[in-house]
C-alpha atoms as a PDB file:
ATOM      1  CA  MET A   1       6.939 -54.940 -26.405  1.00  0.00           C
ATOM      2  CA  VAL A   2       5.795 -52.099 -24.163  1.00  0.00           C
ATOM      3  CA  ARG A   3       8.461 -50.046 -22.625  1.00  0.00           C
ATOM      4  CA  VAL A   4       7.846 -48.678 -19.099  1.00  0.00           C
ATOM      5  CA  THR A   5       9.877 -45.700 -17.971  1.00  0.00           C
ATOM      6  CA  THR A   6      10.022 -44.507 -14.425  1.00  0.00           C
ATOM      7  CA  THR A   7      10.912 -40.934 -13.594  1.00  0.00           C
ATOM      8  CA  THR A   8      12.678 -40.007 -10.418  1.00  0.00           C
ATOM      9  CA  ALA A   9      12.593 -36.612  -8.754  1.00  0.00           C
ATOM     10  CA  ALA A  10      16.065 -35.960 -10.088  1.00  0.00           C
ATOM     11  CA  ASP A  11      14.806 -36.539 -13.645  1.00  0.00           C
ATOM     12  CA  ALA A  12      11.856 -34.150 -13.348  1.00  0.00           C
ATOM     13  CA  CYS A  13      12.025 -31.018 -15.457  1.00  0.00           C
ATOM     14  CA  CYS A  14      10.804 -28.695 -12.748  1.00  0.00           C
ATOM     15  CA  THR A  15      11.826 -28.271  -9.177  1.00  0.00           C
ATOM     16  CA  PRO A  16       8.823 -28.090  -6.852  1.00  0.00           C
ATOM     17  CA  VAL A  17       8.215 -24.659  -5.386  1.00  0.00           C
ATOM     18  CA  GLY A  18       8.865 -24.533  -1.680  1.00  0.00           C
ATOM     19  CA  GLU A  19       7.231 -22.322   0.856  1.00  0.00           C
ATOM     20  CA  ALA A  20       6.479 -18.796  -0.294  1.00  0.00           C
ATOM     21  CA  ALA A  21       8.747 -16.076   0.993  1.00  0.00           C
ATOM     22  CA  ILE A  22       5.650 -14.165   2.098  1.00  0.00           C
ATOM     23  CA  ASP A  23       2.630 -15.764   3.729  1.00  0.00           C
ATOM     24  CA  ALA A  24      -0.942 -15.206   2.561  1.00  0.00           C
ATOM     25  CA  ALA A  25      -1.849 -12.707   5.292  1.00  0.00           C
ATOM     26  CA  ALA A  26       1.233 -10.576   4.666  1.00  0.00           C
ATOM     27  CA  ALA A  27       0.610 -10.706   0.906  1.00  0.00           C
ATOM     28  CA  GLU A  28      -2.967  -9.526   1.437  1.00  0.00           C
ATOM     29  CA  GLN A  29      -1.842  -6.642   3.636  1.00  0.00           C
ATOM     30  CA  LEU A  30       0.830  -5.612   1.152  1.00  0.00           C
ATOM     31  CA  ALA A  31      -1.658  -5.811  -1.728  1.00  0.00           C
ATOM     32  CA  VAL A  32      -3.998  -3.430   0.132  1.00  0.00           C
ATOM     33  CA  ARG A  33      -1.142  -0.953   0.452  1.00  0.00           C
ATOM     34  CA  PHE A  34      -0.171  -1.272  -3.209  1.00  0.00           C
ATOM     35  CA  LYS A  35      -3.808  -0.891  -4.254  1.00  0.00           C
ATOM     36  CA  ALA A  36      -3.997   2.326  -2.230  1.00  0.00           C
ATOM     37  CA  LEU A  37      -0.903   3.581  -4.042  1.00  0.00           C
ATOM     38  CA  GLY A  38      -2.310   2.492  -7.407  1.00  0.00           C
ATOM     39  CA  ASP A  39      -4.224   5.739  -7.781  1.00  0.00           C
ATOM     40  CA  PRO A  40      -2.239   8.832  -8.841  1.00  0.00           C
ATOM     41  CA  THR A  41      -4.453  11.143  -6.766  1.00  0.00           C
ATOM     42  CA  ARG A  42      -3.622   9.217  -3.590  1.00  0.00           C
ATOM     43  CA  VAL A  43       0.085   9.335  -4.403  1.00  0.00           C
ATOM     44  CA  ARG A  44      -0.216  13.113  -4.864  1.00  0.00           C
ATOM     45  CA  LEU A  45      -2.106  13.443  -1.578  1.00  0.00           C
ATOM     46  CA  LEU A  46       0.656  11.589   0.270  1.00  0.00           C
ATOM     47  CA  SER A  47       3.217  13.856  -1.362  1.00  0.00           C
ATOM     48  CA  LEU A  48       1.275  16.986  -0.390  1.00  0.00           C
ATOM     49  CA  ILE A  49       1.006  15.851   3.226  1.00  0.00           C
ATOM     50  CA  ALA A  50       4.687  14.943   3.429  1.00  0.00           C
ATOM     51  CA  ALA A  51       5.648  18.356   2.014  1.00  0.00           C
ATOM     52  CA  SER A  52       3.323  20.312   4.328  1.00  0.00           C
ATOM     53  CA  ASP A  53       4.573  22.398   7.222  1.00  0.00           C
ATOM     54  CA  GLY A  54       4.733  20.215  10.296  1.00  0.00           C
ATOM     55  CA  GLY A  55       4.160  17.095   8.215  1.00  0.00           C
ATOM     56  CA  GLU A  56       0.391  17.343   8.392  1.00  0.00           C
ATOM     57  CA  ALA A  57      -2.370  18.866   6.293  1.00  0.00           C
ATOM     58  CA  CYS A  58      -5.997  19.770   6.785  1.00  0.00           C
ATOM     59  CA  ILE A  59      -8.458  18.183   4.392  1.00  0.00           C
ATOM     60  CA  CYS A  60      -9.463  21.726   3.396  1.00  0.00           C
ATOM     61  CA  ASP A  61      -5.903  22.339   2.142  1.00  0.00           C
ATOM     62  CA  LEU A  62      -5.806  19.164   0.044  1.00  0.00           C
ATOM     63  CA  THR A  63      -8.816  19.720  -2.216  1.00  0.00           C
ATOM     64  CA  GLU A  64      -7.552  22.586  -4.379  1.00  0.00           C
ATOM     65  CA  PRO A  65      -4.149  21.113  -5.320  1.00  0.00           C
ATOM     66  CA  VAL A  66      -5.734  17.908  -6.636  1.00  0.00           C
ATOM     67  CA  GLY A  67      -8.776  19.662  -8.124  1.00  0.00           C
ATOM     68  CA  LEU A  68     -11.347  17.441  -6.448  1.00  0.00           C
ATOM     69  CA  SER A  69     -14.251  18.009  -4.086  1.00  0.00           C
ATOM     70  CA  GLN A  70     -13.823  17.651  -0.337  1.00  0.00           C
ATOM     71  CA  GLY A  71     -15.975  14.508  -0.394  1.00  0.00           C
ATOM     72  CA  THR A  72     -13.803  12.849  -3.041  1.00  0.00           C
ATOM     73  CA  VAL A  73     -10.587  13.793  -1.246  1.00  0.00           C
ATOM     74  CA  SER A  74     -12.060  12.438   1.999  1.00  0.00           C
ATOM     75  CA  HIS A  75     -12.768   9.145   0.230  1.00  0.00           C
ATOM     76  CA  HIS A  76      -9.163   8.930  -0.978  1.00  0.00           C
ATOM     77  CA  MET A  77      -7.883   9.790   2.501  1.00  0.00           C
ATOM     78  CA  LYS A  78     -10.055   7.053   4.022  1.00  0.00           C
ATOM     79  CA  ILE A  79      -8.420   4.508   1.708  1.00  0.00           C
ATOM     80  CA  LEU A  80      -4.950   5.787   2.622  1.00  0.00           C
ATOM     81  CA  ALA A  81      -5.827   5.603   6.332  1.00  0.00           C
ATOM     82  CA  GLU A  82      -7.193   2.048   6.011  1.00  0.00           C
ATOM     83  CA  ALA A  83      -3.985   1.035   4.232  1.00  0.00           C
ATOM     84  CA  GLY A  84      -1.985   2.456   7.145  1.00  0.00           C
ATOM     85  CA  PHE A  85      -0.305   5.306   5.268  1.00  0.00           C
ATOM     86  CA  VAL A  86      -1.827   8.221   7.176  1.00  0.00           C
ATOM     87  CA  THR A  87      -3.173   9.080  10.586  1.00  0.00           C
ATOM     88  CA  ARG A  88      -6.260  11.241  11.064  1.00  0.00           C
ATOM     89  CA  ASP A  89      -6.848  13.810  13.793  1.00  0.00           C
ATOM     90  CA  GLN A  90     -10.291  15.411  14.028  1.00  0.00           C
ATOM     91  CA  ARG A  91     -10.117  19.067  15.139  1.00  0.00           C
ATOM     92  CA  GLY A  92     -13.551  20.590  15.289  1.00  0.00           C
ATOM     93  CA  ARG A  93     -15.115  20.103  11.888  1.00  0.00           C
ATOM     94  CA  TRP A  94     -11.816  19.578  10.063  1.00  0.00           C
ATOM     95  CA  ALA A  95      -9.726  16.450   9.740  1.00  0.00           C
ATOM     96  CA  TYR A  96      -5.936  16.741   9.738  1.00  0.00           C
ATOM     97  CA  TYR A  97      -3.800  14.044   8.198  1.00  0.00           C
ATOM     98  CA  ALA A  98      -0.165  13.101   8.746  1.00  0.00           C
ATOM     99  CA  ILE A  99       2.008  10.381   7.259  1.00  0.00           C
ATOM    100  CA  ALA A 100       1.873   7.418   9.657  1.00  0.00           C
ATOM    101  CA  PRO A 101       5.276   6.930  11.308  1.00  0.00           C
ATOM    102  CA  GLY A 102       7.251   4.267   9.472  1.00  0.00           C
ATOM    103  CA  ALA A 103       4.469   3.462   6.996  1.00  0.00           C
ATOM    104  CA  LEU A 104       6.411   4.296   3.855  1.00  0.00           C
ATOM    105  CA  ASP A 105       9.599   2.654   5.121  1.00  0.00           C
ATOM    106  CA  ALA A 106       7.689  -0.499   6.110  1.00  0.00           C
ATOM    107  CA  THR A 107       6.096  -0.723   2.654  1.00  0.00           C
ATOM    108  CA  ALA A 108       9.466  -0.251   0.946  1.00  0.00           C
ATOM    109  CA  ALA A 109      11.048  -2.890   3.206  1.00  0.00           C
ATOM    110  CA  SER A 110       8.225  -5.338   2.400  1.00  0.00           C
ATOM    111  CA  LEU A 111       8.836  -4.830  -1.295  1.00  0.00           C
ATOM    112  CA  ARG A 112      12.592  -5.339  -0.904  1.00  0.00           C
ATOM    113  CA  ALA A 113      11.937  -8.553   1.038  1.00  0.00           C
ATOM    114  CA  LEU A 114      10.133 -10.083  -1.916  1.00  0.00           C
END
């Protein structure tokens, strides 16, 4: 005799996962920000800018503290700008960077919301 067993949803071992708390677009945007912060040099650059007088720093003032060339620092700053962490203001031949208003708070709030 063959025994047939039926399983109901209540008998299942796992509860199906509902909708994600964060949608795909928001997850992508947050991942870009975390990737930007995944490099210790970029974290240091943000810290240097935040600690600078007036809350902004010239690219020429950021190279020596991190021990990298201007081109390499510019590359890191481009990534931080694309992730929304800094704003860039071109003054003559020099670029000045400032922490984007609310960028750090918004990233922290996104992480808390997870």
